Amino acid sequence: MKFNCINTSKICSKICFFLLKFIPMRVDKFLNVVNITKRRAISEDMCKSGVVKINDKVTKASKEVKIGDIISLHFMQYTQEYRVLAIPSTKSIPKNTQNQYVEKL
């Protein structure tokens, strides 16, 4: 979901950027966009099999991620947890900027 500003003034662009921070994103898409999984289909399968939890609750792929949520990935031998710091506004982000969006716990 994108916001297109009719007026290209600085104020309008700041408002659009501010609103983009609060737009929720599906958990399967979020895992893919922040480079935790390679493909969205893998994220969907992980959600279907119960590997992904948000705030200690097993979630569906359509569950929306919010800032401050803790995403847990439960593998056979270990569990990896991430805290959501921000929601990306683009389809993909560079791997070196991943720490701006998630914090590994």
C-alpha atoms as a PDB file:
ATOM      1  CA  MET A   1       0.000   0.000   0.000  1.00  0.00           C
ATOM      2  CA  LYS A   2       1.474   3.334  -1.021  1.00  0.00           C
ATOM      3  CA  PHE A   3       0.379   6.900  -0.487  1.00  0.00           C
ATOM      4  CA  ASN A   4       0.749   9.243  -3.425  1.00  0.00           C
ATOM      5  CA  CYS A   5       0.891  12.904  -2.541  1.00  0.00           C
ATOM      6  CA  ILE A   6      -0.699  15.318  -4.980  1.00  0.00           C
ATOM      7  CA  ASN A   7       1.275  18.229  -3.577  1.00  0.00           C
ATOM      8  CA  THR A   8       5.029  17.602  -3.724  1.00  0.00           C
ATOM      9  CA  SER A   9       5.882  20.066  -1.002  1.00  0.00           C
ATOM     10  CA  LYS A  10       8.154  19.123   1.893  1.00  0.00           C
ATOM     11  CA  ILE A  11       5.243  19.083   4.322  1.00  0.00           C
ATOM     12  CA  CYS A  12       3.300  16.590   2.238  1.00  0.00           C
ATOM     13  CA  SER A  13       6.291  14.290   1.840  1.00  0.00           C
ATOM     14  CA  LYS A  14       6.923  14.367   5.612  1.00  0.00           C
ATOM     15  CA  ILE A  15       3.299  13.488   6.306  1.00  0.00           C
ATOM     16  CA  CYS A  16       3.401  10.589   3.819  1.00  0.00           C
ATOM     17  CA  PHE A  17       6.626   9.267   5.359  1.00  0.00           C
ATOM     18  CA  PHE A  18       5.087   9.553   8.848  1.00  0.00           C
ATOM     19  CA  LEU A  19       1.977   7.612   7.786  1.00  0.00           C
ATOM     20  CA  LEU A  20       4.019   4.867   6.110  1.00  0.00           C
ATOM     21  CA  LYS A  21       5.642   4.028   9.452  1.00  0.00           C
ATOM     22  CA  PHE A  22       2.289   2.944  10.882  1.00  0.00           C
ATOM     23  CA  ILE A  23       0.970   0.842   8.006  1.00  0.00           C
ATOM     24  CA  PRO A  24       0.903  -2.782   9.154  1.00  0.00           C
ATOM     25  CA  MET A  25       2.406  -5.568   7.057  1.00  0.00           C
ATOM     26  CA  ARG A  26       1.590  -9.279   6.896  1.00  0.00           C
ATOM     27  CA  VAL A  27       4.038 -11.443   8.826  1.00  0.00           C
ATOM     28  CA  ASP A  28       4.929 -13.609   5.813  1.00  0.00           C
ATOM     29  CA  LYS A  29       5.724 -10.547   3.718  1.00  0.00           C
ATOM     30  CA  PHE A  30       7.623  -8.896   6.585  1.00  0.00           C
ATOM     31  CA  LEU A  31       9.913 -11.923   7.051  1.00  0.00           C
ATOM     32  CA  ASN A  32      10.702 -11.842   3.352  1.00  0.00           C
ATOM     33  CA  VAL A  33      11.197  -8.076   3.035  1.00  0.00           C
ATOM     34  CA  VAL A  34      13.620  -7.828   5.982  1.00  0.00           C
ATOM     35  CA  ASN A  35      15.646 -10.769   4.608  1.00  0.00           C
ATOM     36  CA  ILE A  36      14.900 -13.299   7.347  1.00  0.00           C
ATOM     37  CA  THR A  37      13.593 -15.756   4.733  1.00  0.00           C
ATOM     38  CA  LYS A  38      14.568 -15.950   1.085  1.00  0.00           C
ATOM     39  CA  ARG A  39      11.072 -16.313  -0.357  1.00  0.00           C
ATOM     40  CA  ARG A  40       7.586 -15.390   0.757  1.00  0.00           C
ATOM     41  CA  ALA A  41       6.384 -18.919   0.025  1.00  0.00           C
ATOM     42  CA  ILE A  42       8.836 -20.210   2.627  1.00  0.00           C
ATOM     43  CA  SER A  43       7.451 -17.725   5.158  1.00  0.00           C
ATOM     44  CA  GLU A  44       3.893 -18.863   4.382  1.00  0.00           C
ATOM     45  CA  ASP A  45       4.845 -22.520   4.875  1.00  0.00           C
ATOM     46  CA  MET A  46       6.569 -21.694   8.171  1.00  0.00           C
ATOM     47  CA  CYS A  47       3.400 -19.977   9.397  1.00  0.00           C
ATOM     48  CA  LYS A  48       1.199 -22.903   8.298  1.00  0.00           C
ATOM     49  CA  SER A  49       3.395 -25.406  10.126  1.00  0.00           C
ATOM     50  CA  GLY A  50       3.382 -23.400  13.375  1.00  0.00           C
ATOM     51  CA  VAL A  51       7.036 -22.337  13.321  1.00  0.00           C
ATOM     52  CA  VAL A  52       6.256 -18.597  13.530  1.00  0.00           C
ATOM     53  CA  LYS A  53       4.904 -16.965  16.679  1.00  0.00           C
ATOM     54  CA  ILE A  54       4.166 -13.318  17.374  1.00  0.00           C
ATOM     55  CA  ASN A  55       4.200 -12.379  21.065  1.00  0.00           C
ATOM     56  CA  ASP A  56       4.143 -16.104  22.023  1.00  0.00           C
ATOM     57  CA  LYS A  57       1.053 -16.902  19.922  1.00  0.00           C
ATOM     58  CA  VAL A  58       1.151 -19.139  16.848  1.00  0.00           C
ATOM     59  CA  THR A  59       0.126 -16.996  13.892  1.00  0.00           C
ATOM     60  CA  LYS A  60      -1.260 -17.333  10.409  1.00  0.00           C
ATOM     61  CA  ALA A  61       0.576 -15.816   7.439  1.00  0.00           C
ATOM     62  CA  SER A  62      -2.022 -13.042   7.241  1.00  0.00           C
ATOM     63  CA  LYS A  63      -1.379 -11.743  10.773  1.00  0.00           C
ATOM     64  CA  GLU A  64      -0.256  -8.117  10.705  1.00  0.00           C
ATOM     65  CA  VAL A  65       3.042  -7.156  12.315  1.00  0.00           C
ATOM     66  CA  LYS A  66       3.247  -3.978  14.383  1.00  0.00           C
ATOM     67  CA  ILE A  67       6.186  -2.043  15.786  1.00  0.00           C
ATOM     68  CA  GLY A  68       7.260  -3.569  19.092  1.00  0.00           C
ATOM     69  CA  ASP A  69       6.065  -7.113  18.303  1.00  0.00           C
ATOM     70  CA  ILE A  70       8.398 -10.013  19.044  1.00  0.00           C
ATOM     71  CA  ILE A  71       8.562 -12.616  16.276  1.00  0.00           C
ATOM     72  CA  SER A  72       9.784 -16.070  17.309  1.00  0.00           C
ATOM     73  CA  LEU A  73      10.922 -18.709  14.823  1.00  0.00           C
ATOM     74  CA  HIS A  74      10.901 -22.148  16.470  1.00  0.00           C
ATOM     75  CA  PHE A  75      13.231 -24.567  14.713  1.00  0.00           C
ATOM     76  CA  MET A  76      13.982 -28.131  15.846  1.00  0.00           C
ATOM     77  CA  GLN A  77      17.159 -27.348  17.755  1.00  0.00           C
ATOM     78  CA  TYR A  78      16.822 -23.659  18.609  1.00  0.00           C
ATOM     79  CA  THR A  79      14.518 -20.651  18.683  1.00  0.00           C
ATOM     80  CA  GLN A  80      15.367 -17.320  17.077  1.00  0.00           C
ATOM     81  CA  GLU A  81      13.585 -14.160  18.224  1.00  0.00           C
ATOM     82  CA  TYR A  82      13.353 -10.754  16.571  1.00  0.00           C
ATOM     83  CA  ARG A  83      11.877  -7.461  17.801  1.00  0.00           C
ATOM     84  CA  VAL A  84      10.148  -5.335  15.150  1.00  0.00           C
ATOM     85  CA  LEU A  85      11.655  -1.826  15.158  1.00  0.00           C
ATOM     86  CA  ALA A  86      10.053  -0.432  11.996  1.00  0.00           C
ATOM     87  CA  ILE A  87       7.866  -1.499   9.088  1.00  0.00           C
ATOM     88  CA  PRO A  88       9.542  -1.223   5.658  1.00  0.00           C
ATOM     89  CA  SER A  89       7.781   0.906   3.071  1.00  0.00           C
ATOM     90  CA  THR A  90       9.475  -0.741   0.073  1.00  0.00           C
ATOM     91  CA  LYS A  91       9.301  -4.220  -1.443  1.00  0.00           C
ATOM     92  CA  SER A  92      12.834  -5.074  -0.395  1.00  0.00           C
ATOM     93  CA  ILE A  93      15.626  -3.635   1.689  1.00  0.00           C
ATOM     94  CA  PRO A  94      19.394  -4.136   1.488  1.00  0.00           C
ATOM     95  CA  LYS A  95      20.767  -6.740   3.895  1.00  0.00           C
ATOM     96  CA  ASN A  96      23.037  -4.187   5.555  1.00  0.00           C
ATOM     97  CA  THR A  97      19.983  -2.129   6.669  1.00  0.00           C
ATOM     98  CA  GLN A  98      18.189  -5.088   8.273  1.00  0.00           C
ATOM     99  CA  ASN A  99      19.122  -3.892  11.775  1.00  0.00           C
ATOM    100  CA  GLN A 100      16.991  -0.754  11.253  1.00  0.00           C
ATOM    101  CA  TYR A 101      13.866  -2.917  10.993  1.00  0.00           C
ATOM    102  CA  VAL A 102      14.494  -5.879  13.318  1.00  0.00           C
ATOM    103  CA  GLU A 103      16.613  -6.500  16.383  1.00  0.00           C
ATOM    104  CA  LYS A 104      17.879 -10.030  16.980  1.00  0.00           C
ATOM    105  CA  LEU A 105      17.237 -11.057  20.584  1.00  0.00           C
END
